[in-house]
Amino acid sequence: MKAVIESDDPLDRELDFSKSRPNPYWLGVVDRQYVRLIKKDLAEMFPDNESVNGALRTIADAAGRAKRSKVSARRASIRKKARA
């Protein structure tokens, strides 16, 4: 099935992209620092950059607020012995 292209470019009518495939090497061209691949079901839940960034910031803020108690190596080894 050919897609209808609304353009005045005659070359567009000559090209058939119906059997095209994604380029597996495209990550070599773009800056990987800013590109993340997510599963299709997540892409549907987060349709744009703002929604993804908002969700990630919420998670990062919650993780930053969670206090982690520091444990010295000595106390950690004592706890291990107590469990055994």
N, C-alpha and C. Protein backbone atom coordinates (compact mmCIF):
# COMPACT_ATOMS: atom_id res chain seq x y z
N MET A 1 0.84 -1.18 0.00
CA MET A 1 0.00 0.00 0.00
C MET A 1 0.88 1.24 0.00
N LYS A 2 0.75 2.08 -0.99
CA LYS A 2 1.53 3.30 -1.09
C LYS A 2 0.86 4.41 -0.31
N ALA A 3 1.67 5.17 0.39
CA ALA A 3 1.15 6.32 1.13
C ALA A 3 0.98 7.49 0.16
N VAL A 4 -0.07 8.24 0.35
CA VAL A 4 -0.32 9.41 -0.48
C VAL A 4 0.50 10.56 0.08
N ILE A 5 1.32 11.15 -0.77
CA ILE A 5 2.18 12.25 -0.35
C ILE A 5 1.67 13.52 -0.99
N GLU A 6 1.39 14.49 -0.15
CA GLU A 6 0.91 15.76 -0.68
C GLU A 6 2.07 16.73 -0.77
N SER A 7 2.71 16.72 -1.92
CA SER A 7 3.86 17.57 -2.16
C SER A 7 3.96 17.85 -3.65
N ASP A 8 4.59 18.93 -3.99
CA ASP A 8 4.76 19.26 -5.39
C ASP A 8 6.03 18.66 -5.98
N ASP A 9 6.83 18.03 -5.15
CA ASP A 9 8.08 17.45 -5.61
C ASP A 9 7.81 16.17 -6.40
N PRO A 10 8.17 16.10 -7.69
CA PRO A 10 7.88 14.91 -8.49
C PRO A 10 8.67 13.69 -8.01
N LEU A 11 9.79 13.89 -7.39
CA LEU A 11 10.59 12.77 -6.89
C LEU A 11 9.86 12.03 -5.77
N ASP A 12 9.08 12.74 -4.98
CA ASP A 12 8.32 12.11 -3.90
C ASP A 12 7.36 11.05 -4.42
N ARG A 13 6.80 11.26 -5.58
CA ARG A 13 5.85 10.29 -6.15
C ARG A 13 6.58 9.06 -6.68
N GLU A 14 7.87 9.18 -6.95
CA GLU A 14 8.64 8.06 -7.48
C GLU A 14 9.20 7.16 -6.39
N LEU A 15 9.28 7.64 -5.18
CA LEU A 15 9.86 6.87 -4.09
C LEU A 15 8.79 6.13 -3.30
N ASP A 16 9.05 4.87 -3.02
CA ASP A 16 8.11 4.05 -2.24
C ASP A 16 8.79 3.68 -0.92
N PHE A 17 8.31 4.25 0.18
CA PHE A 17 8.89 3.99 1.49
C PHE A 17 8.12 2.92 2.26
N SER A 18 7.20 2.23 1.61
CA SER A 18 6.35 1.27 2.32
C SER A 18 7.14 0.08 2.86
N LYS A 19 8.27 -0.24 2.26
CA LYS A 19 9.08 -1.38 2.73
C LYS A 19 10.34 -0.92 3.45
N SER A 20 10.38 0.32 3.85
CA SER A 20 11.57 0.84 4.52
C SER A 20 11.66 0.29 5.95
N ARG A 21 12.86 0.27 6.48
CA ARG A 21 13.11 -0.20 7.85
C ARG A 21 13.91 0.85 8.59
N PRO A 22 13.82 0.88 9.91
CA PRO A 22 14.63 1.83 10.67
C PRO A 22 16.11 1.51 10.52
N ASN A 23 16.91 2.53 10.53
CA ASN A 23 18.35 2.37 10.41
C ASN A 23 18.92 1.94 11.76
N PRO A 24 19.53 0.75 11.85
CA PRO A 24 20.07 0.29 13.14
C PRO A 24 21.32 1.06 13.56
N TYR A 25 21.90 1.84 12.68
CA TYR A 25 23.14 2.55 12.98
C TYR A 25 22.92 4.03 13.28
N TRP A 26 21.68 4.47 13.42
CA TRP A 26 21.41 5.89 13.59
C TRP A 26 21.99 6.44 14.87
N LEU A 27 22.17 5.62 15.90
CA LEU A 27 22.76 6.12 17.14
C LEU A 27 24.20 6.55 16.95
N GLY A 28 24.85 6.06 15.91
CA GLY A 28 26.21 6.49 15.64
C GLY A 28 26.26 7.90 15.09
N VAL A 29 25.14 8.41 14.65
CA VAL A 29 25.09 9.73 14.04
C VAL A 29 24.67 10.80 15.05
N VAL A 30 23.78 10.47 15.95
CA VAL A 30 23.26 11.44 16.90
C VAL A 30 24.07 11.42 18.19
N ASP A 31 23.88 12.42 19.01
CA ASP A 31 24.58 12.51 20.28
C ASP A 31 23.89 11.59 21.28
N ARG A 32 24.54 10.52 21.66
CA ARG A 32 23.94 9.52 22.56
C ARG A 32 23.68 10.08 23.95
N GLN A 33 24.29 11.17 24.29
CA GLN A 33 24.08 11.76 25.60
C GLN A 33 22.62 12.16 25.79
N TYR A 34 21.93 12.49 24.72
CA TYR A 34 20.56 12.99 24.82
C TYR A 34 19.51 12.03 24.29
N VAL A 35 19.93 10.86 23.82
CA VAL A 35 18.99 9.92 23.22
C VAL A 35 18.80 8.73 24.14
N ARG A 36 17.54 8.41 24.43
CA ARG A 36 17.21 7.23 25.22
C ARG A 36 16.10 6.49 24.48
N LEU A 37 16.21 5.19 24.38
CA LEU A 37 15.20 4.39 23.72
C LEU A 37 14.29 3.78 24.77
N ILE A 38 12.99 3.93 24.57
CA ILE A 38 12.04 3.37 25.52
C ILE A 38 11.10 2.42 24.78
N LYS A 39 10.48 1.53 25.53
CA LYS A 39 9.55 0.57 24.95
C LYS A 39 8.31 1.28 24.43
N LYS A 40 7.64 0.62 23.49
CA LYS A 40 6.49 1.21 22.82
C LYS A 40 5.37 1.57 23.79
N ASP A 41 5.10 0.70 24.78
CA ASP A 41 4.02 0.98 25.71
C ASP A 41 4.31 2.22 26.55
N LEU A 42 5.57 2.45 26.88
CA LEU A 42 5.94 3.66 27.61
C LEU A 42 5.86 4.89 26.72
N ALA A 43 6.22 4.73 25.47
CA ALA A 43 6.14 5.85 24.53
C ALA A 43 4.70 6.31 24.37
N GLU A 44 3.77 5.38 24.45
CA GLU A 44 2.36 5.74 24.35
C GLU A 44 1.89 6.47 25.62
N MET A 45 2.45 6.11 26.78
CA MET A 45 2.08 6.75 28.04
C MET A 45 2.67 8.15 28.15
N PHE A 46 3.85 8.34 27.55
CA PHE A 46 4.55 9.62 27.61
C PHE A 46 4.76 10.11 26.17
N PRO A 47 3.78 10.79 25.61
CA PRO A 47 3.80 11.12 24.19
C PRO A 47 4.77 12.22 23.78
N ASP A 48 5.30 12.99 24.75
CA ASP A 48 6.21 14.07 24.36
C ASP A 48 7.34 14.21 25.38
N ASN A 49 8.32 15.02 25.03
CA ASN A 49 9.50 15.21 25.89
C ASN A 49 9.14 15.77 27.25
N GLU A 50 8.17 16.68 27.29
CA GLU A 50 7.81 17.32 28.56
C GLU A 50 7.26 16.30 29.55
N SER A 51 6.44 15.37 29.09
CA SER A 51 5.87 14.38 30.00
C SER A 51 6.94 13.41 30.51
N VAL A 52 7.89 13.03 29.66
CA VAL A 52 8.98 12.16 30.09
C VAL A 52 9.85 12.89 31.11
N ASN A 53 10.23 14.11 30.79
CA ASN A 53 11.09 14.88 31.70
C ASN A 53 10.39 15.14 33.03
N GLY A 54 9.10 15.43 33.01
CA GLY A 54 8.36 15.66 34.24
C GLY A 54 8.33 14.43 35.13
N ALA A 55 8.08 13.27 34.53
CA ALA A 55 8.05 12.02 35.30
C ALA A 55 9.42 11.71 35.89
N LEU A 56 10.46 11.88 35.08
CA LEU A 56 11.81 11.60 35.58
C LEU A 56 12.23 12.57 36.69
N ARG A 57 11.84 13.84 36.57
CA ARG A 57 12.16 14.81 37.62
C ARG A 57 11.43 14.47 38.92
N THR A 58 10.20 14.00 38.81
CA THR A 58 9.45 13.61 40.01
C THR A 58 10.14 12.44 40.71
N ILE A 59 10.57 11.46 39.94
CA ILE A 59 11.27 10.31 40.51
C ILE A 59 12.60 10.74 41.13
N ALA A 60 13.34 11.59 40.43
CA ALA A 60 14.63 12.07 40.94
C ALA A 60 14.46 12.86 42.22
N ASP A 61 13.43 13.71 42.28
CA ASP A 61 13.16 14.48 43.50
C ASP A 61 12.81 13.56 44.65
N ALA A 62 11.98 12.56 44.40
CA ALA A 62 11.59 11.63 45.46
C ALA A 62 12.79 10.83 45.95
N ALA A 63 13.66 10.43 45.04
CA ALA A 63 14.85 9.68 45.42
C ALA A 63 15.81 10.56 46.21
N GLY A 64 15.88 11.83 45.85
CA GLY A 64 16.76 12.75 46.57
C GLY A 64 16.27 13.03 47.97
N ARG A 65 14.96 12.98 48.18
CA ARG A 65 14.39 13.24 49.51
C ARG A 65 14.50 12.03 50.43
N ALA A 66 14.60 10.85 49.86
CA ALA A 66 14.69 9.64 50.69
C ALA A 66 16.04 9.64 51.39
N LYS A 67 16.00 9.63 52.70
CA LYS A 67 17.25 9.64 53.46
C LYS A 67 17.82 8.24 53.54
N ARG A 68 19.08 8.17 53.32
CA ARG A 68 19.79 6.91 53.48
C ARG A 68 20.71 7.05 54.67
N SER A 69 20.57 6.16 55.60
CA SER A 69 21.44 6.24 56.77
C SER A 69 22.81 5.68 56.39
N LYS A 70 23.82 6.39 56.79
CA LYS A 70 25.18 5.96 56.49
C LYS A 70 25.57 4.89 57.51
N VAL A 71 26.19 3.86 57.02
CA VAL A 71 26.63 2.76 57.88
C VAL A 71 28.13 2.59 57.67
N SER A 72 28.85 2.57 58.77
CA SER A 72 30.29 2.38 58.67
C SER A 72 30.58 0.92 58.31
N ALA A 73 31.74 0.67 57.80
CA ALA A 73 32.13 -0.69 57.42
C ALA A 73 32.12 -1.60 58.64
N ARG A 74 32.49 -1.08 59.80
CA ARG A 74 32.52 -1.88 61.03
C ARG A 74 31.10 -2.30 61.42
N ARG A 75 30.16 -1.34 61.40
CA ARG A 75 28.77 -1.67 61.76
C ARG A 75 28.16 -2.63 60.77
N ALA A 76 28.50 -2.49 59.48
CA ALA A 76 27.97 -3.38 58.46
C ALA A 76 28.45 -4.81 58.69
N SER A 77 29.73 -4.97 59.05
CA SER A 77 30.25 -6.32 59.28
C SER A 77 29.64 -6.93 60.54
N ILE A 78 29.35 -6.12 61.55
CA ILE A 78 28.71 -6.62 62.76
C ILE A 78 27.30 -7.10 62.44
N ARG A 79 26.57 -6.35 61.60
CA ARG A 79 25.21 -6.75 61.20
C ARG A 79 25.24 -8.06 60.43
N LYS A 80 26.25 -8.23 59.55
CA LYS A 80 26.35 -9.47 58.78
C LYS A 80 26.55 -10.67 59.71
N LYS A 81 27.42 -10.52 60.70
CA LYS A 81 27.69 -11.60 61.63
C LYS A 81 26.45 -11.93 62.46
N ALA A 82 25.69 -10.94 62.81
CA ALA A 82 24.48 -11.14 63.61
C ALA A 82 23.43 -11.92 62.82
N ARG A 83 23.37 -11.71 61.52
CA ARG A 83 22.39 -12.42 60.69
C ARG A 83 22.75 -13.89 60.52
N ALA A 84 24.03 -14.17 60.49
CA ALA A 84 24.48 -15.55 60.21
C ALA A 84 24.24 -16.49 61.34
